[in-house]
Amino acid sequence: MASAASKQVHRVTLFKIPEPKDIQAVLDKYTTLGQDAKKNGQPYILRCVAGRAVDDARSQGYTLAAQTTFSSLDDMKYYDNECEAHAALKAVAKEKVAGPPLMVFFDNAVGGSA
């Protein structure tokens, strides 16, 4: 069994971005995030997908969803605190997002790996 430090971490972030053109600007940053995000000179995000939320009452006003997978909680902490590519993404999203994003992360309790 893998230790807690080595389990993959899946992160889901939901954004409320009122203007459709602004959603595209954030999606453009997510498009290259997987290649741009480097730790010790190497890409470290295992998986990154993002897209517009389907217009549905269950969306509760969230208009963009992103899912990133990391090798470990340490990698996710690096993403939050030190990653230049993530800082660039946050800079683009900052003025476009209505309120703070909703973010949860988890390791696999059910299912396979990323």
PDB file of N, CA and C in Angstrom:
ATOM      1  N   MET A   1       0.846  -1.194   0.000  1.00  0.00           N
ATOM      2  CA  MET A   1       0.000   0.000   0.000  1.00  0.00           C
ATOM      3  C   MET A   1       0.879   1.242   0.000  1.00  0.00           C
ATOM      4  N   ALA A   2       0.547   2.226  -0.820  1.00  0.00           N
ATOM      5  CA  ALA A   2       1.327   3.459  -0.915  1.00  0.00           C
ATOM      6  C   ALA A   2       1.097   4.323   0.313  1.00  0.00           C
ATOM      7  N   SER A   3       2.109   5.068   0.699  1.00  0.00           N
ATOM      8  CA  SER A   3       1.955   5.984   1.821  1.00  0.00           C
ATOM      9  C   SER A   3       1.117   7.174   1.388  1.00  0.00           C
ATOM     10  N   ALA A   4       0.594   7.903   2.373  1.00  0.00           N
ATOM     11  CA  ALA A   4      -0.248   9.060   2.062  1.00  0.00           C
ATOM     12  C   ALA A   4       0.512  10.090   1.233  1.00  0.00           C
ATOM     13  N   ALA A   5       1.822  10.217   1.468  1.00  0.00           N
ATOM     14  CA  ALA A   5       2.610  11.215   0.742  1.00  0.00           C
ATOM     15  C   ALA A   5       2.778  10.846  -0.729  1.00  0.00           C
ATOM     16  N   SER A   6       2.647   9.556  -1.076  1.00  0.00           N
ATOM     17  CA  SER A   6       2.886   9.156  -2.457  1.00  0.00           C
ATOM     18  C   SER A   6       1.616   8.864  -3.240  1.00  0.00           C
ATOM     19  N   LYS A   7       0.450   8.991  -2.627  1.00  0.00           N
ATOM     20  CA  LYS A   7      -0.801   8.775  -3.349  1.00  0.00           C
ATOM     21  C   LYS A   7      -1.073   9.924  -4.307  1.00  0.00           C
ATOM     22  N   GLN A   8      -1.600   9.581  -5.466  1.00  0.00           N
ATOM     23  CA  GLN A   8      -1.998  10.634  -6.400  1.00  0.00           C
ATOM     24  C   GLN A   8      -3.080  11.495  -5.767  1.00  0.00           C
ATOM     25  N   VAL A   9      -3.042  12.772  -6.089  1.00  0.00           N
ATOM     26  CA  VAL A   9      -4.026  13.724  -5.581  1.00  0.00           C
ATOM     27  C   VAL A   9      -4.766  14.303  -6.782  1.00  0.00           C
ATOM     28  N   HIS A  10      -6.081  14.247  -6.728  1.00  0.00           N
ATOM     29  CA  HIS A  10      -6.956  14.787  -7.767  1.00  0.00           C
ATOM     30  C   HIS A  10      -7.586  16.066  -7.213  1.00  0.00           C
ATOM     31  N   ARG A  11      -7.499  17.106  -7.996  1.00  0.00           N
ATOM     32  CA  ARG A  11      -7.990  18.417  -7.558  1.00  0.00           C
ATOM     33  C   ARG A  11      -9.056  18.879  -8.542  1.00  0.00           C
ATOM     34  N   VAL A  12     -10.182  19.309  -8.023  1.00  0.00           N
ATOM     35  CA  VAL A  12     -11.274  19.833  -8.845  1.00  0.00           C
ATOM     36  C   VAL A  12     -11.506  21.282  -8.426  1.00  0.00           C
ATOM     37  N   THR A  13     -11.475  22.178  -9.408  1.00  0.00           N
ATOM     38  CA  THR A  13     -11.688  23.597  -9.136  1.00  0.00           C
ATOM     39  C   THR A  13     -12.832  24.086 -10.012  1.00  0.00           C
ATOM     40  N   LEU A  14     -13.763  24.787  -9.390  1.00  0.00           N
ATOM     41  CA  LEU A  14     -14.924  25.343 -10.092  1.00  0.00           C
ATOM     42  C   LEU A  14     -14.878  26.863 -10.002  1.00  0.00           C
ATOM     43  N   PHE A  15     -15.135  27.512 -11.135  1.00  0.00           N
ATOM     44  CA  PHE A  15     -15.096  28.965 -11.218  1.00  0.00           C
ATOM     45  C   PHE A  15     -16.444  29.508 -11.662  1.00  0.00           C
ATOM     46  N   LYS A  16     -16.806  30.670 -11.127  1.00  0.00           N
ATOM     47  CA  LYS A  16     -17.948  31.433 -11.622  1.00  0.00           C
ATOM     48  C   LYS A  16     -17.372  32.616 -12.383  1.00  0.00           C
ATOM     49  N   ILE A  17     -17.438  32.530 -13.722  1.00  0.00           N
ATOM     50  CA  ILE A  17     -16.923  33.589 -14.588  1.00  0.00           C
ATOM     51  C   ILE A  17     -18.100  34.063 -15.434  1.00  0.00           C
ATOM     52  N   PRO A  18     -18.614  35.258 -15.133  1.00  0.00           N
ATOM     53  CA  PRO A  18     -19.849  35.706 -15.794  1.00  0.00           C
ATOM     54  C   PRO A  18     -19.739  35.932 -17.296  1.00  0.00           C
ATOM     55  N   GLU A  19     -18.625  36.433 -17.791  1.00  0.00           N
ATOM     56  CA  GLU A  19     -18.477  36.777 -19.203  1.00  0.00           C
ATOM     57  C   GLU A  19     -17.905  35.611 -20.008  1.00  0.00           C
ATOM     58  N   PRO A  20     -18.616  35.150 -21.049  1.00  0.00           N
ATOM     59  CA  PRO A  20     -18.114  34.043 -21.875  1.00  0.00           C
ATOM     60  C   PRO A  20     -16.713  34.271 -22.447  1.00  0.00           C
ATOM     61  N   LYS A  21     -16.390  35.493 -22.867  1.00  0.00           N
ATOM     62  CA  LYS A  21     -15.049  35.769 -23.408  1.00  0.00           C
ATOM     63  C   LYS A  21     -13.975  35.588 -22.338  1.00  0.00           C
ATOM     64  N   ASP A  22     -14.329  35.865 -21.098  1.00  0.00           N
ATOM     65  CA  ASP A  22     -13.380  35.692 -20.000  1.00  0.00           C
ATOM     66  C   ASP A  22     -13.154  34.212 -19.687  1.00  0.00           C
ATOM     67  N   ILE A  23     -14.192  33.404 -19.877  1.00  0.00           N
ATOM     68  CA  ILE A  23     -14.037  31.949 -19.696  1.00  0.00           C
ATOM     69  C   ILE A  23     -12.985  31.447 -20.674  1.00  0.00           C
ATOM     70  N   GLN A  24     -13.049  31.897 -21.910  1.00  0.00           N
ATOM     71  CA  GLN A  24     -12.083  31.451 -22.917  1.00  0.00           C
ATOM     72  C   GLN A  24     -10.664  31.863 -22.552  1.00  0.00           C
ATOM     73  N   ALA A  25     -10.487  33.046 -21.993  1.00  0.00           N
ATOM     74  CA  ALA A  25      -9.151  33.502 -21.605  1.00  0.00           C
ATOM     75  C   ALA A  25      -8.544  32.576 -20.542  1.00  0.00           C
ATOM     76  N   VAL A  26      -9.363  32.137 -19.591  1.00  0.00           N
ATOM     77  CA  VAL A  26      -8.879  31.221 -18.552  1.00  0.00           C
ATOM     78  C   VAL A  26      -8.618  29.841 -19.160  1.00  0.00           C
ATOM     79  N   LEU A  27      -9.511  29.380 -20.034  1.00  0.00           N
ATOM     80  CA  LEU A  27      -9.293  28.094 -20.706  1.00  0.00           C
ATOM     81  C   LEU A  27      -7.994  28.103 -21.518  1.00  0.00           C
ATOM     82  N   ASP A  28      -7.675  29.229 -22.132  1.00  0.00           N
ATOM     83  CA  ASP A  28      -6.432  29.321 -22.901  1.00  0.00           C
ATOM     84  C   ASP A  28      -5.221  29.075 -22.011  1.00  0.00           C
ATOM     85  N   LYS A  29      -5.251  29.570 -20.778  1.00  0.00           N
ATOM     86  CA  LYS A  29      -4.136  29.325 -19.850  1.00  0.00           C
ATOM     87  C   LYS A  29      -4.094  27.853 -19.439  1.00  0.00           C
ATOM     88  N   TYR A  30      -5.253  27.247 -19.227  1.00  0.00           N
ATOM     89  CA  TYR A  30      -5.287  25.818 -18.874  1.00  0.00           C
ATOM     90  C   TYR A  30      -4.770  24.955 -20.029  1.00  0.00           C
ATOM     91  N   THR A  31      -4.936  25.411 -21.270  1.00  0.00           N
ATOM     92  CA  THR A  31      -4.510  24.638 -22.432  1.00  0.00           C
ATOM     93  C   THR A  31      -3.029  24.281 -22.374  1.00  0.00           C
ATOM     94  N   THR A  32      -2.213  25.187 -21.880  1.00  0.00           N
ATOM     95  CA  THR A  32      -0.768  24.952 -21.849  1.00  0.00           C
ATOM     96  C   THR A  32      -0.227  24.681 -20.446  1.00  0.00           C
ATOM     97  N   LEU A  33      -1.089  24.655 -19.458  1.00  0.00           N
ATOM     98  CA  LEU A  33      -0.643  24.487 -18.075  1.00  0.00           C
ATOM     99  C   LEU A  33       0.186  23.218 -17.871  1.00  0.00           C
ATOM    100  N   GLY A  34      -0.252  22.113 -18.428  1.00  0.00           N
ATOM    101  CA  GLY A  34       0.456  20.850 -18.251  1.00  0.00           C
ATOM    102  C   GLY A  34       1.895  20.896 -18.728  1.00  0.00           C
ATOM    103  N   GLN A  35       2.160  21.621 -19.824  1.00  0.00           N
ATOM    104  CA  GLN A  35       3.520  21.740 -20.345  1.00  0.00           C
ATOM    105  C   GLN A  35       4.293  22.856 -19.637  1.00  0.00           C
ATOM    106  N   ASP A  36       3.602  23.946 -19.283  1.00  0.00           N
ATOM    107  CA  ASP A  36       4.265  25.105 -18.690  1.00  0.00           C
ATOM    108  C   ASP A  36       4.645  24.889 -17.227  1.00  0.00           C
ATOM    109  N   ALA A  37       3.873  24.109 -16.509  1.00  0.00           N
ATOM    110  CA  ALA A  37       4.126  23.889 -15.083  1.00  0.00           C
ATOM    111  C   ALA A  37       5.315  22.950 -14.920  1.00  0.00           C
ATOM    112  N   LYS A  38       6.378  23.474 -14.312  1.00  0.00           N
ATOM    113  CA  LYS A  38       7.604  22.692 -14.145  1.00  0.00           C
ATOM    114  C   LYS A  38       8.031  22.697 -12.679  1.00  0.00           C
ATOM    115  N   LYS A  39       8.573  21.579 -12.258  1.00  0.00           N
ATOM    116  CA  LYS A  39       9.171  21.449 -10.928  1.00  0.00           C
ATOM    117  C   LYS A  39      10.525  20.800 -11.155  1.00  0.00           C
ATOM    118  N   ASN A  40      11.572  21.449 -10.706  1.00  0.00           N
ATOM    119  CA  ASN A  40      12.935  20.980 -10.975  1.00  0.00           C
ATOM    120  C   ASN A  40      13.175  20.803 -12.473  1.00  0.00           C
ATOM    121  N   GLY A  41      12.584  21.714 -13.269  1.00  0.00           N
ATOM    122  CA  GLY A  41      12.794  21.700 -14.708  1.00  0.00           C
ATOM    123  C   GLY A  41      11.973  20.679 -15.477  1.00  0.00           C
ATOM    124  N   GLN A  42      11.123  19.923 -14.795  1.00  0.00           N
ATOM    125  CA  GLN A  42      10.344  18.872 -15.437  1.00  0.00           C
ATOM    126  C   GLN A  42       8.851  19.106 -15.242  1.00  0.00           C
ATOM    127  N   PRO A  43       8.017  18.765 -16.249  1.00  0.00           N
ATOM    128  CA  PRO A  43       6.559  18.809 -16.040  1.00  0.00           C
ATOM    129  C   PRO A  43       6.187  17.883 -14.877  1.00  0.00           C
ATOM    130  N   TYR A  44       5.270  18.309 -14.040  1.00  0.00           N
ATOM    131  CA  TYR A  44       4.915  17.493 -12.877  1.00  0.00           C
ATOM    132  C   TYR A  44       3.412  17.269 -12.713  1.00  0.00           C
ATOM    133  N   ILE A  45       2.598  17.925 -13.514  1.00  0.00           N
ATOM    134  CA  ILE A  45       1.155  17.690 -13.456  1.00  0.00           C
ATOM    135  C   ILE A  45       0.869  16.461 -14.311  1.00  0.00           C
ATOM    136  N   LEU A  46       0.276  15.445 -13.703  1.00  0.00           N
ATOM    137  CA  LEU A  46       0.017  14.194 -14.420  1.00  0.00           C
ATOM    138  C   LEU A  46      -1.111  14.329 -15.428  1.00  0.00           C
ATOM    139  N   ARG A  47      -2.114  15.124 -15.071  1.00  0.00           N
ATOM    140  CA  ARG A  47      -3.289  15.274 -15.937  1.00  0.00           C
ATOM    141  C   ARG A  47      -3.917  16.620 -15.657  1.00  0.00           C
ATOM    142  N   CYS A  48      -4.338  17.299 -16.715  1.00  0.00           N
ATOM    143  CA  CYS A  48      -5.021  18.579 -16.567  1.00  0.00           C
ATOM    144  C   CYS A  48      -6.107  18.649 -17.630  1.00  0.00           C
ATOM    145  N   VAL A  49      -7.346  18.747 -17.202  1.00  0.00           N
ATOM    146  CA  VAL A  49      -8.470  18.929 -18.115  1.00  0.00           C
ATOM    147  C   VAL A  49      -9.324  20.074 -17.590  1.00  0.00           C
ATOM    148  N   ALA A  50      -9.907  20.828 -18.511  1.00  0.00           N
ATOM    149  CA  ALA A  50     -10.763  21.949 -18.124  1.00  0.00           C
ATOM    150  C   ALA A  50     -11.774  22.188 -19.224  1.00  0.00           C
ATOM    151  N   GLY A  51     -12.912  22.733 -18.841  1.00  0.00           N
ATOM    152  CA  GLY A  51     -13.920  23.046 -19.842  1.00  0.00           C
ATOM    153  C   GLY A  51     -15.051  23.870 -19.257  1.00  0.00           C
ATOM    154  N   ARG A  52     -15.849  24.395 -20.168  1.00  0.00           N
ATOM    155  CA  ARG A  52     -17.042  25.154 -19.761  1.00  0.00           C
ATOM    156  C   ARG A  52     -18.048  24.198 -19.128  1.00  0.00           C
ATOM    157  N   ALA A  53     -18.648  24.634 -18.049  1.00  0.00           N
ATOM    158  CA  ALA A  53     -19.713  23.844 -17.428  1.00  0.00           C
ATOM    159  C   ALA A  53     -20.937  23.878 -18.329  1.00  0.00           C
ATOM    160  N   VAL A  54     -21.634  22.768 -18.412  1.00  0.00           N
ATOM    161  CA  VAL A  54     -22.880  22.714 -19.166  1.00  0.00           C
ATOM    162  C   VAL A  54     -23.907  23.562 -18.419  1.00  0.00           C
ATOM    163  N   ASP A  55     -24.646  24.384 -19.160  1.00  0.00           N
ATOM    164  CA  ASP A  55     -25.661  25.244 -18.555  1.00  0.00           C
ATOM    165  C   ASP A  55     -26.784  24.366 -18.021  1.00  0.00           C
ATOM    166  N   ASP A  56     -26.822  24.227 -16.711  1.00  0.00           N
ATOM    167  CA  ASP A  56     -27.754  23.317 -16.048  1.00  0.00           C
ATOM    168  C   ASP A  56     -27.981  23.853 -14.634  1.00  0.00           C
ATOM    169  N   ALA A  57     -29.175  23.695 -14.104  1.00  0.00           N
ATOM    170  CA  ALA A  57     -29.475  24.190 -12.763  1.00  0.00           C
ATOM    171  C   ALA A  57     -28.522  23.620 -11.715  1.00  0.00           C
ATOM    172  N   ARG A  58     -28.042  22.409 -11.928  1.00  0.00           N
ATOM    173  CA  ARG A  58     -27.141  21.783 -10.951  1.00  0.00           C
ATOM    174  C   ARG A  58     -25.764  22.438 -10.936  1.00  0.00           C
ATOM    175  N   SER A  59     -25.438  23.243 -11.946  1.00  0.00           N
ATOM    176  CA  SER A  59     -24.144  23.916 -11.997  1.00  0.00           C
ATOM    177  C   SER A  59     -24.014  25.031 -10.957  1.00  0.00           C
ATOM    178  N   GLN A  60     -25.133  25.487 -10.445  1.00  0.00           N
ATOM    179  CA  GLN A  60     -25.186  26.501  -9.386  1.00  0.00           C
ATOM    180  C   GLN A  60     -24.376  27.755  -9.722  1.00  0.00           C
ATOM    181  N   GLY A  61     -24.362  28.128 -10.990  1.00  0.00           N
ATOM    182  CA  GLY A  61     -23.680  29.348 -11.399  1.00  0.00           C
ATOM    183  C   GLY A  61     -22.219  29.168 -11.762  1.00  0.00           C
ATOM    184  N   TYR A  62     -21.666  27.976 -11.543  1.00  0.00           N
ATOM    185  CA  TYR A  62     -20.276  27.731 -11.932  1.00  0.00           C
ATOM    186  C   TYR A  62     -20.230  27.563 -13.443  1.00  0.00           C
ATOM    187  N   THR A  63     -19.267  28.219 -14.076  1.00  0.00           N
ATOM    188  CA  THR A  63     -19.215  28.244 -15.531  1.00  0.00           C
ATOM    189  C   THR A  63     -17.993  27.547 -16.118  1.00  0.00           C
ATOM    190  N   LEU A  64     -17.005  27.241 -15.284  1.00  0.00           N
ATOM    191  CA  LEU A  64     -15.801  26.574 -15.751  1.00  0.00           C
ATOM    192  C   LEU A  64     -15.353  25.573 -14.687  1.00  0.00           C
ATOM    193  N   ALA A  65     -14.965  24.385 -15.132  1.00  0.00           N
ATOM    194  CA  ALA A  65     -14.465  23.354 -14.223  1.00  0.00           C
ATOM    195  C   ALA A  65     -13.092  22.899 -14.704  1.00  0.00           C
ATOM    196  N   ALA A  66     -12.201  22.644 -13.745  1.00  0.00           N
ATOM    197  CA  ALA A  66     -10.867  22.149 -14.070  1.00  0.00           C
ATOM    198  C   ALA A  66     -10.526  21.008 -13.131  1.00  0.00           C
ATOM    199  N   GLN A  67      -9.830  20.002 -13.675  1.00  0.00           N
ATOM    200  CA  GLN A  67      -9.377  18.872 -12.859  1.00  0.00           C
ATOM    201  C   GLN A  67      -7.896  18.661 -13.142  1.00  0.00           C
ATOM    202  N   THR A  68      -7.103  18.662 -12.082  1.00  0.00           N
ATOM    203  CA  THR A  68      -5.672  18.413 -12.202  1.00  0.00           C
ATOM    204  C   THR A  68      -5.314  17.234 -11.313  1.00  0.00           C
ATOM    205  N   THR A  69      -4.355  16.435 -11.759  1.00  0.00           N
ATOM    206  CA  THR A  69      -3.893  15.286 -10.992  1.00  0.00           C
ATOM    207  C   THR A  69      -2.399  15.432 -10.760  1.00  0.00           C
ATOM    208  N   PHE A  70      -2.001  15.213  -9.510  1.00  0.00           N
ATOM    209  CA  PHE A  70      -0.608  15.323  -9.090  1.00  0.00           C
ATOM    210  C   PHE A  70      -0.139  13.988  -8.528  1.00  0.00           C
ATOM    211  N   SER A  71       1.158  13.753  -8.560  1.00  0.00           N
ATOM    212  CA  SER A  71       1.737  12.516  -8.017  1.00  0.00           C
ATOM    213  C   SER A  71       1.629  12.454  -6.508  1.00  0.00           C
ATOM    214  N   SER A  72       1.559  13.615  -5.863  1.00  0.00           N
ATOM    215  CA  SER A  72       1.575  13.641  -4.396  1.00  0.00           C
ATOM    216  C   SER A  72       0.971  14.946  -3.890  1.00  0.00           C
ATOM    217  N   LEU A  73       0.666  14.969  -2.610  1.00  0.00           N
ATOM    218  CA  LEU A  73       0.198  16.189  -1.962  1.00  0.00           C
ATOM    219  C   LEU A  73       1.296  17.255  -2.003  1.00  0.00           C
ATOM    220  N   ASP A  74       2.556  16.839  -1.887  1.00  0.00           N
ATOM    221  CA  ASP A  74       3.663  17.793  -1.973  1.00  0.00           C
ATOM    222  C   ASP A  74       3.676  18.503  -3.317  1.00  0.00           C
ATOM    223  N   ASP A  75       3.402  17.772  -4.402  1.00  0.00           N
ATOM    224  CA  ASP A  75       3.345  18.405  -5.721  1.00  0.00           C
ATOM    225  C   ASP A  75       2.196  19.402  -5.802  1.00  0.00           C
ATOM    226  N   MET A  76       1.057  19.075  -5.203  1.00  0.00           N
ATOM    227  CA  MET A  76      -0.056  20.017  -5.218  1.00  0.00           C
ATOM    228  C   MET A  76       0.283  21.258  -4.399  1.00  0.00           C
ATOM    229  N   LYS A  77       0.970  21.095  -3.284  1.00  0.00           N
ATOM    230  CA  LYS A  77       1.380  22.251  -2.480  1.00  0.00           C
ATOM    231  C   LYS A  77       2.358  23.128  -3.259  1.00  0.00           C
ATOM    232  N   TYR A  78       3.261  22.495  -4.006  1.00  0.00           N
ATOM    233  CA  TYR A  78       4.180  23.249  -4.851  1.00  0.00           C
ATOM    234  C   TYR A  78       3.383  24.067  -5.875  1.00  0.00           C
ATOM    235  N   TYR A  79       2.385  23.442  -6.479  1.00  0.00           N
ATOM    236  CA  TYR A  79       1.513  24.099  -7.452  1.00  0.00           C
ATOM    237  C   TYR A  79       0.867  25.339  -6.822  1.00  0.00           C
ATOM    238  N   ASP A  80       0.369  25.211  -5.614  1.00  0.00           N
ATOM    239  CA  ASP A  80      -0.299  26.323  -4.944  1.00  0.00           C
ATOM    240  C   ASP A  80       0.650  27.453  -4.573  1.00  0.00           C
ATOM    241  N   ASN A  81       1.846  27.119  -4.140  1.00  0.00           N
ATOM    242  CA  ASN A  81       2.713  28.107  -3.508  1.00  0.00           C
ATOM    243  C   ASN A  81       3.926  28.563  -4.316  1.00  0.00           C
ATOM    244  N   GLU A  82       4.383  27.761  -5.295  1.00  0.00           N
ATOM    245  CA  GLU A  82       5.637  28.096  -5.958  1.00  0.00           C
ATOM    246  C   GLU A  82       5.591  28.057  -7.485  1.00  0.00           C
ATOM    247  N   CYS A  83       4.620  27.410  -8.058  1.00  0.00           N
ATOM    248  CA  CYS A  83       4.584  27.194  -9.499  1.00  0.00           C
ATOM    249  C   CYS A  83       4.315  28.496 -10.260  1.00  0.00           C
ATOM    250  N   GLU A  84       5.250  28.863 -11.141  1.00  0.00           N
ATOM    251  CA  GLU A  84       5.104  30.084 -11.936  1.00  0.00           C
ATOM    252  C   GLU A  84       3.943  29.987 -12.924  1.00  0.00           C
ATOM    253  N   ALA A  85       3.721  28.809 -13.497  1.00  0.00           N
ATOM    254  CA  ALA A  85       2.619  28.637 -14.451  1.00  0.00           C
ATOM    255  C   ALA A  85       1.272  28.807 -13.755  1.00  0.00           C
ATOM    256  N   HIS A  86       1.155  28.296 -12.528  1.00  0.00           N
ATOM    257  CA  HIS A  86      -0.097  28.463 -11.786  1.00  0.00           C
ATOM    258  C   HIS A  86      -0.283  29.928 -11.392  1.00  0.00           C
ATOM    259  N   ALA A  87       0.802  30.609 -11.034  1.00  0.00           N
ATOM    260  CA  ALA A  87       0.714  32.036 -10.714  1.00  0.00           C
ATOM    261  C   ALA A  87       0.223  32.824 -11.930  1.00  0.00           C
ATOM    262  N   ALA A  88       0.695  32.451 -13.113  1.00  0.00           N
ATOM    263  CA  ALA A  88       0.242  33.124 -14.339  1.00  0.00           C
ATOM    264  C   ALA A  88      -1.239  32.863 -14.598  1.00  0.00           C
ATOM    265  N   LEU A  89      -1.689  31.640 -14.346  1.00  0.00           N
ATOM    266  CA  LEU A  89      -3.104  31.305 -14.499  1.00  0.00           C
ATOM    267  C   LEU A  89      -3.949  32.124 -13.522  1.00  0.00           C
ATOM    268  N   LYS A  90      -3.515  32.192 -12.279  1.00  0.00           N
ATOM    269  CA  LYS A  90      -4.252  32.967 -11.275  1.00  0.00           C
ATOM    270  C   LYS A  90      -4.302  34.448 -11.646  1.00  0.00           C
ATOM    271  N   ALA A  91      -3.226  34.969 -12.223  1.00  0.00           N
ATOM    272  CA  ALA A  91      -3.206  36.380 -12.620  1.00  0.00           C
ATOM    273  C   ALA A  91      -4.243  36.659 -13.707  1.00  0.00           C
ATOM    274  N   VAL A  92      -4.395  35.739 -14.646  1.00  0.00           N
ATOM    275  CA  VAL A  92      -5.401  35.902 -15.706  1.00  0.00           C
ATOM    276  C   VAL A  92      -6.809  35.788 -15.125  1.00  0.00           C
ATOM    277  N   ALA A  93      -7.021  34.832 -14.243  1.00  0.00           N
ATOM    278  CA  ALA A  93      -8.362  34.559 -13.707  1.00  0.00           C
ATOM    279  C   ALA A  93      -8.811  35.586 -12.676  1.00  0.00           C
ATOM    280  N   LYS A  94      -7.873  36.203 -11.989  1.00  0.00           N
ATOM    281  CA  LYS A  94      -8.180  37.065 -10.837  1.00  0.00           C
ATOM    282  C   LYS A  94      -9.286  38.087 -11.093  1.00  0.00           C
ATOM    283  N   GLU A  95      -9.183  38.816 -12.174  1.00  0.00           N
ATOM    284  CA  GLU A  95     -10.149  39.885 -12.457  1.00  0.00           C
ATOM    285  C   GLU A  95     -11.418  39.374 -13.148  1.00  0.00           C
ATOM    286  N   LYS A  96     -11.434  38.105 -13.523  1.00  0.00           N
ATOM    287  CA  LYS A  96     -12.547  37.568 -14.296  1.00  0.00           C
ATOM    288  C   LYS A  96     -13.523  36.745 -13.449  1.00  0.00           C
ATOM    289  N   VAL A  97     -13.045  36.254 -12.329  1.00  0.00           N
ATOM    290  CA  VAL A  97     -13.823  35.346 -11.494  1.00  0.00           C
ATOM    291  C   VAL A  97     -14.703  36.144 -10.529  1.00  0.00           C
ATOM    292  N   ALA A  98     -15.967  35.746 -10.416  1.00  0.00           N
ATOM    293  CA  ALA A  98     -16.891  36.346  -9.461  1.00  0.00           C
ATOM    294  C   ALA A  98     -16.825  35.532  -8.170  1.00  0.00           C
ATOM    295  N   GLY A  99     -16.117  36.036  -7.196  1.00  0.00           N
ATOM    296  CA  GLY A  99     -15.973  35.333  -5.923  1.00  0.00           C
ATOM    297  C   GLY A  99     -14.866  34.294  -5.994  1.00  0.00           C
ATOM    298  N   PRO A 100     -14.556  33.716  -4.854  1.00  0.00           N
ATOM    299  CA  PRO A 100     -13.471  32.723  -4.827  1.00  0.00           C
ATOM    300  C   PRO A 100     -13.894  31.418  -5.505  1.00  0.00           C
ATOM    301  N   PRO A 101     -12.958  30.765  -6.187  1.00  0.00           N
ATOM    302  CA  PRO A 101     -13.276  29.454  -6.768  1.00  0.00           C
ATOM    303  C   PRO A 101     -13.562  28.441  -5.660  1.00  0.00           C
ATOM    304  N   LEU A 102     -14.284  27.412  -6.019  1.00  0.00           N
ATOM    305  CA  LEU A 102     -14.510  26.279  -5.115  1.00  0.00           C
ATOM    306  C   LEU A 102     -13.487  25.225  -5.490  1.00  0.00           C
ATOM    307  N   MET A 103     -12.714  24.745  -4.519  1.00  0.00           N
ATOM    308  CA  MET A 103     -11.680  23.760  -4.808  1.00  0.00           C
ATOM    309  C   MET A 103     -11.744  22.647  -3.770  1.00  0.00           C
ATOM    310  N   VAL A 104     -11.716  21.417  -4.267  1.00  0.00           N
ATOM    311  CA  VAL A 104     -11.590  20.246  -3.398  1.00  0.00           C
ATOM    312  C   VAL A 104     -10.510  19.352  -3.981  1.00  0.00           C
ATOM    313  N   PHE A 105      -9.872  18.576  -3.109  1.00  0.00           N
ATOM    314  CA  PHE A 105      -8.906  17.602  -3.598  1.00  0.00           C
ATOM    315  C   PHE A 105      -9.066  16.322  -2.810  1.00  0.00           C
ATOM    316  N   PHE A 106      -8.663  15.205  -3.451  1.00  0.00           N
ATOM    317  CA  PHE A 106      -8.864  13.903  -2.844  1.00  0.00           C
ATOM    318  C   PHE A 106      -7.896  12.909  -3.449  1.00  0.00           C
ATOM    319  N   ASP A 107      -7.692  11.789  -2.735  1.00  0.00           N
ATOM    320  CA  ASP A 107      -6.963  10.669  -3.348  1.00  0.00           C
ATOM    321  C   ASP A 107      -7.987   9.582  -3.641  1.00  0.00           C
ATOM    322  N   ASN A 108      -7.585   8.591  -4.428  1.00  0.00           N
ATOM    323  CA  ASN A 108      -8.515   7.556  -4.851  1.00  0.00           C
ATOM    324  C   ASN A 108      -8.928   6.662  -3.684  1.00  0.00           C
ATOM    325  N   ALA A 109     -10.186   6.665  -3.388  1.00  0.00           N
ATOM    326  CA  ALA A 109     -10.746   5.693  -2.461  1.00  0.00           C
ATOM    327  C   ALA A 109     -11.442   4.592  -3.264  1.00  0.00           C
ATOM    328  N   VAL A 110     -11.903   4.967  -4.455  1.00  0.00           N
ATOM    329  CA  VAL A 110     -12.607   4.045  -5.356  1.00  0.00           C
ATOM    330  C   VAL A 110     -12.089   4.325  -6.762  1.00  0.00           C
ATOM    331  N   GLY A 111     -11.841   3.290  -7.519  1.00  0.00           N
ATOM    332  CA  GLY A 111     -11.437   3.479  -8.902  1.00  0.00           C
ATOM    333  C   GLY A 111      -9.948   3.316  -9.104  1.00  0.00           C
ATOM    334  N   GLY A 112      -9.552   3.518 -10.356  1.00  0.00           N
ATOM    335  CA  GLY A 112      -8.164   3.324 -10.739  1.00  0.00           C
ATOM    336  C   GLY A 112      -7.355   4.582 -10.650  1.00  0.00           C
ATOM    337  N   SER A 113      -6.147   4.523 -11.190  1.00  0.00           N
ATOM    338  CA  SER A 113      -5.268   5.685 -11.199  1.00  0.00           C
ATOM    339  C   SER A 113      -5.668   6.603 -12.338  1.00  0.00           C
ATOM    340  N   ALA A 114      -4.993   7.766 -12.367  1.00  0.00           N
ATOM    341  CA  ALA A 114      -5.288   8.784 -13.394  1.00  0.00           C
ATOM    342  C   ALA A 114      -5.000   8.194 -14.706  1.00  0.00           C
TER     343      ALA A 114
END
